[in-house]
């Protein structure tokens, strides 16, 4: 069996080059925050076997190889910098003694290597288009609907407030053009102007059947957070955001 091994946080385009040559994946779980846990399985049809780093980090390189043998591994597909075993003592040369090896060279976009840490930096800066390009798909977070202030529905626009389902990396604070449960939306991340409390809330632009599980995909950074002197001023700004988002959707979908 052909196996690819790695952290695969993000399931980005470089990961996909490994995946397309494999028959199953061994995923080393180590505090992922782009596609934590089983989220990775949404981007592949391959069987996924998870090894928790805390449970295998004591294994020597040879003990890790024995673990691979038990999975009927015949070929290993990895990136050129792949290391394994306690203190990263195992490398590709050691793997070659036991398995057929396919090494995938670093994938670059505009001279920049495609790596999860690079994508994290894009998201932290609100550079959503760059993150999407390197991921090969939109960045997505999931949350559970929670009770908000109730102010939006009464005096602004109705929003759904969420609490993150997992330890997702949040993009830079601000307002984003998004897709929420497949519907056009605007999402706010940061401290609310009304009470200075941190929140993640999304306003959906179309008819929407409410669900407990909320999935938000980030399409475009819209603007920085602002302080508003009145609810009227805030509402006017939200109306501008809605108009911009509608134009974006008309042009892109």
Protein backbone atom coordinates (compact mmCIF):
# COMPACT_ATOMS: atom_id res chain seq x y z
CA UNK A 1 0.00 0.00 0.00
CA UNK A 2 1.18 3.50 -0.87
CA UNK A 3 1.11 5.82 2.15
CA UNK A 4 1.81 9.53 2.53
CA UNK A 5 2.79 10.79 5.97
CA UNK A 6 2.67 14.26 7.49
CA UNK A 7 0.82 16.82 9.55
CA UNK A 8 -1.36 17.93 6.63
CA UNK A 9 -2.67 20.98 8.47
CA UNK A 10 -4.48 23.01 5.83
CA UNK A 11 -4.65 20.23 3.24
CA UNK A 12 -3.09 22.81 0.91
CA UNK A 13 -1.94 22.39 -2.68
CA UNK A 14 1.46 20.95 -1.71
CA UNK A 15 -0.27 18.36 0.48
CA UNK A 16 -2.52 17.48 -2.45
CA UNK A 17 0.53 16.62 -4.57
CA UNK A 18 1.42 13.97 -1.98
CA UNK A 19 -2.15 12.77 -1.58
CA UNK A 20 -2.83 12.19 -5.29
CA UNK A 21 0.00 9.62 -5.40
CA UNK A 22 -1.06 7.69 -2.27
CA UNK A 23 -3.62 5.04 -1.33
CA UNK A 24 -3.99 6.14 2.29
CA UNK A 25 -2.75 8.84 4.65
CA UNK A 26 -1.01 8.73 8.00
CA UNK A 27 -1.74 12.06 9.67
CA UNK A 28 0.43 13.18 12.58
CA UNK A 29 -1.87 15.24 14.79
CA UNK A 30 0.03 18.04 16.51
CA UNK A 31 -2.22 20.93 17.54
CA UNK A 32 -3.43 21.68 14.02
CA UNK A 33 -5.52 24.83 13.65
CA UNK A 34 -6.18 25.24 9.91
CA UNK A 35 -7.91 21.89 9.38
CA UNK A 36 -7.93 20.39 12.88
CA UNK A 37 -8.77 16.73 13.43
CA UNK A 38 -11.17 15.14 10.97
CA UNK A 39 -11.60 18.40 9.05
CA UNK A 40 -8.72 17.18 6.88
CA UNK A 41 -10.86 14.31 5.64
CA UNK A 42 -13.18 16.79 3.89
CA UNK A 43 -10.44 17.42 1.33
CA UNK A 44 -9.59 13.85 0.35
CA UNK A 45 -11.26 10.56 -0.51
CA UNK A 46 -8.32 8.58 0.90
CA UNK A 47 -8.62 6.63 4.16
CA UNK A 48 -7.03 8.65 6.99
CA UNK A 49 -5.15 7.07 9.89
CA UNK A 50 -4.33 9.46 12.74
CA UNK A 51 -1.27 9.21 14.99
CA UNK A 52 -1.26 11.64 17.91
CA UNK A 53 2.21 13.17 18.21
CA UNK A 54 2.14 12.95 22.00
CA UNK A 55 1.61 9.19 21.75
CA UNK A 56 4.36 8.48 19.21
CA UNK A 57 7.03 11.10 19.92
CA UNK A 58 8.93 8.65 22.14
CA UNK A 59 9.28 6.10 19.32
CA UNK A 60 12.68 5.61 17.78
CA UNK A 61 12.97 5.85 14.01
CA UNK A 62 13.01 2.03 13.74
CA UNK A 63 9.96 1.69 15.99
CA UNK A 64 8.10 4.13 13.73
CA UNK A 65 9.10 2.07 10.69
CA UNK A 66 7.76 -1.06 12.39
CA UNK A 67 4.47 0.80 12.93
CA UNK A 68 4.34 1.54 9.18
CA UNK A 69 5.03 -2.09 8.33
CA UNK A 70 1.98 -3.14 10.35
CA UNK A 71 -0.12 -0.99 8.01
CA UNK A 72 1.06 -3.10 5.03
CA UNK A 73 3.05 -0.17 3.72
CA UNK A 74 5.03 -0.84 0.54
CA UNK A 75 5.68 2.72 -0.67
CA UNK A 76 6.06 6.01 1.21
CA UNK A 77 5.34 9.37 -0.43
CA UNK A 78 6.78 12.36 1.45
CA UNK A 79 8.18 15.84 1.06
CA UNK A 80 11.93 16.35 0.71
CA UNK A 81 12.35 17.57 4.31
CA UNK A 82 10.53 14.63 5.94
CA UNK A 83 12.00 13.47 9.27
CA UNK A 84 10.56 11.03 11.83
CA UNK A 85 11.28 9.24 15.09
CA UNK A 86 12.55 10.55 18.42
CA UNK A 87 14.66 13.70 17.98
CA UNK A 88 13.86 13.55 14.24
CA UNK A 89 16.52 10.89 13.89
CA UNK A 90 14.96 9.13 10.87
CA UNK A 91 15.16 10.44 7.34
CA UNK A 92 14.40 9.47 3.74
CA UNK A 93 17.61 7.46 3.41
CA UNK A 94 16.55 5.23 6.29
CA UNK A 95 13.07 4.77 4.80
CA UNK A 96 14.64 3.63 1.53
CA UNK A 97 16.04 0.55 3.26
CA UNK A 98 12.52 -0.73 3.95
CA UNK A 99 10.12 0.81 1.43
CA UNK A 100 9.91 2.17 -2.06
CA UNK A 101 10.13 5.97 -1.73
CA UNK A 102 8.67 8.84 -3.76
CA UNK A 103 9.90 12.30 -2.79
CA UNK A 104 7.87 15.35 -3.82
CA UNK A 105 9.92 18.52 -4.16
CA UNK A 106 8.81 21.78 -2.57
CA UNK A 107 5.87 23.44 -4.35
CA UNK A 108 6.22 27.19 -4.80
CA UNK A 109 3.87 29.99 -5.82
CA UNK A 110 5.53 33.21 -7.00
CA UNK A 111 8.78 32.00 -5.44
CA UNK A 112 7.25 31.28 -2.01
CA UNK A 113 7.17 27.73 -0.68
CA UNK A 114 3.68 26.43 0.08
CA UNK A 115 3.69 25.58 3.79
CA UNK A 116 1.11 25.72 6.55
CA UNK A 117 3.05 28.34 8.52
CA UNK A 118 3.08 30.64 5.46
CA UNK A 119 -0.70 30.30 5.12
CA UNK A 120 -1.14 31.06 8.84
CA UNK A 121 0.77 34.32 8.37
CA UNK A 122 -1.44 35.29 5.43
CA UNK A 123 -4.55 34.71 7.55
CA UNK A 124 -3.14 36.67 10.50
CA UNK A 125 -2.63 39.61 8.13
CA UNK A 126 -6.09 39.28 6.58
CA UNK A 127 -4.57 38.33 3.21
CA UNK A 128 -7.42 36.00 2.31
CA UNK A 129 -6.81 35.85 -1.45
CA UNK A 130 -3.23 34.71 -0.90
CA UNK A 131 -4.33 32.13 1.69
CA UNK A 132 -6.94 30.76 -0.73
CA UNK A 133 -4.37 30.52 -3.53
CA UNK A 134 -1.92 28.56 -1.38
CA UNK A 135 -4.63 26.37 0.16
CA UNK A 136 -6.31 25.58 -3.14
CA UNK A 137 -9.64 26.04 -1.36
CA UNK A 138 -11.34 28.61 0.86
CA UNK A 139 -10.35 28.85 4.51
CA UNK A 140 -13.16 27.64 6.75
CA UNK A 141 -14.02 27.71 10.42
CA UNK A 142 -16.87 25.94 12.20
CA UNK A 143 -18.82 26.97 15.25
CA UNK A 144 -21.90 26.40 17.31
CA UNK A 145 -24.59 29.06 17.34
CA UNK A 146 -24.75 30.95 20.65
CA UNK A 147 -26.92 33.74 22.05
CA UNK A 148 -25.72 37.23 21.15
CA UNK A 149 -26.65 40.69 22.42
CA UNK A 150 -29.94 40.70 20.55
CA UNK A 151 -29.11 44.23 19.44
CA UNK A 152 -28.51 43.33 15.79
CA UNK A 153 -31.98 42.01 15.07
CA UNK A 154 -33.66 44.92 16.86
CA UNK A 155 -31.61 47.93 15.72
CA UNK A 156 -28.97 46.87 13.16
CA UNK A 157 -29.09 43.68 11.06
CA UNK A 158 -29.72 40.13 12.35
CA UNK A 159 -26.53 38.15 12.97
CA UNK A 160 -25.63 34.66 14.07
CA UNK A 161 -23.05 34.58 16.87
CA UNK A 162 -20.78 31.56 17.03
CA UNK A 163 -18.45 29.86 19.45
CA UNK A 164 -15.66 27.96 17.71
CA UNK A 165 -16.12 24.21 17.53
CA UNK A 166 -12.35 23.58 17.53
CA UNK A 167 -9.12 25.50 17.96
CA UNK A 168 -9.30 27.23 14.57
CA UNK A 169 -6.86 29.97 13.71
CA UNK A 170 -8.92 33.12 13.34
CA UNK A 171 -7.99 35.54 10.56
CA UNK A 172 -7.03 39.10 11.46
CA UNK A 173 -9.79 41.00 13.24
CA UNK A 174 -12.05 42.81 10.82
CA UNK A 175 -15.03 42.43 8.48
CA UNK A 176 -15.01 39.81 5.72
CA UNK A 177 -17.02 38.78 2.71
CA UNK A 178 -17.88 35.19 3.50
CA UNK A 179 -20.06 32.22 2.72
CA UNK A 180 -21.99 30.89 5.72
CA UNK A 181 -23.47 27.42 5.32
CA UNK A 182 -23.19 28.03 1.56
CA UNK A 183 -25.08 31.36 1.72
CA UNK A 184 -23.65 34.84 0.90
CA UNK A 185 -22.71 36.58 4.13
CA UNK A 186 -20.63 39.20 5.94
CA UNK A 187 -18.65 38.10 8.98
CA UNK A 188 -17.27 40.23 11.78
CA UNK A 189 -14.36 39.13 13.98
CA UNK A 190 -13.21 41.30 16.88
CA UNK A 191 -14.38 43.54 19.68
CA UNK A 192 -17.87 44.88 19.13
CA UNK A 193 -18.30 48.64 18.95
CA UNK A 194 -21.43 48.36 21.11
CA UNK A 195 -19.99 46.66 24.22
CA UNK A 196 -16.28 46.04 23.49
CA UNK A 197 -16.79 42.27 23.85
CA UNK A 198 -15.02 39.91 21.45
CA UNK A 199 -17.34 38.13 19.06
CA UNK A 200 -17.55 36.18 15.84
CA UNK A 201 -20.83 36.97 14.12
CA UNK A 202 -22.16 36.59 10.63
CA UNK A 203 -24.98 38.31 8.76
CA UNK A 204 -26.52 36.23 5.98
CA UNK A 205 -27.74 38.10 2.91
CA UNK A 206 -30.30 35.57 1.69
CA UNK A 207 -33.08 33.43 3.13
CA UNK A 208 -31.52 30.97 5.51
CA UNK A 209 -32.68 27.93 7.39
CA UNK A 210 -30.93 28.18 10.74
CA UNK A 211 -28.79 25.28 11.89
CA UNK A 212 -26.80 24.68 15.06
CA UNK A 213 -23.55 23.96 13.21
CA UNK A 214 -22.29 27.06 11.40
CA UNK A 215 -19.58 26.85 8.71
CA UNK A 216 -17.98 30.11 7.61
CA UNK A 217 -15.76 30.30 4.52
CA UNK A 218 -13.62 33.42 4.04
CA UNK A 219 -13.63 34.96 0.56
CA UNK A 220 -12.29 38.50 0.89
CA UNK A 221 -11.13 40.97 3.55
CA UNK A 222 -13.61 43.85 3.50
CA UNK A 223 -12.41 46.38 6.07
CA UNK A 224 -10.75 46.99 9.41
CA UNK A 225 -12.77 47.17 12.61
CA UNK A 226 -13.88 50.68 13.49
CA UNK A 227 -15.24 52.47 16.52
CA UNK A 228 -18.62 54.11 15.93
CA UNK A 229 -20.09 57.00 17.89
CA UNK A 230 -23.70 55.87 17.38
CA UNK A 231 -25.80 52.89 16.29
CA UNK A 232 -26.94 54.93 13.30
CA UNK A 233 -23.33 55.39 12.16
CA UNK A 234 -22.69 51.66 12.63
CA UNK A 235 -25.84 50.73 10.71
CA UNK A 236 -24.83 52.98 7.80
CA UNK A 237 -21.44 51.27 7.65
CA UNK A 238 -23.07 47.83 7.70
CA UNK A 239 -25.33 48.85 4.81
CA UNK A 240 -22.22 49.84 2.83
CA UNK A 241 -20.68 46.43 3.64
CA UNK A 242 -23.82 44.68 2.43
CA UNK A 243 -23.79 46.62 -0.87
CA UNK A 244 -20.09 45.83 -1.43
CA UNK A 245 -20.70 42.16 -0.69
CA UNK A 246 -23.66 41.99 -3.09
CA UNK A 247 -21.52 43.52 -5.85
CA UNK A 248 -18.74 41.00 -5.08
CA UNK A 249 -21.16 38.07 -5.36
CA UNK A 250 -22.70 39.40 -8.57
CA UNK A 251 -19.25 39.68 -10.14
CA UNK A 252 -17.83 36.38 -8.90
CA UNK A 253 -20.70 33.88 -8.71
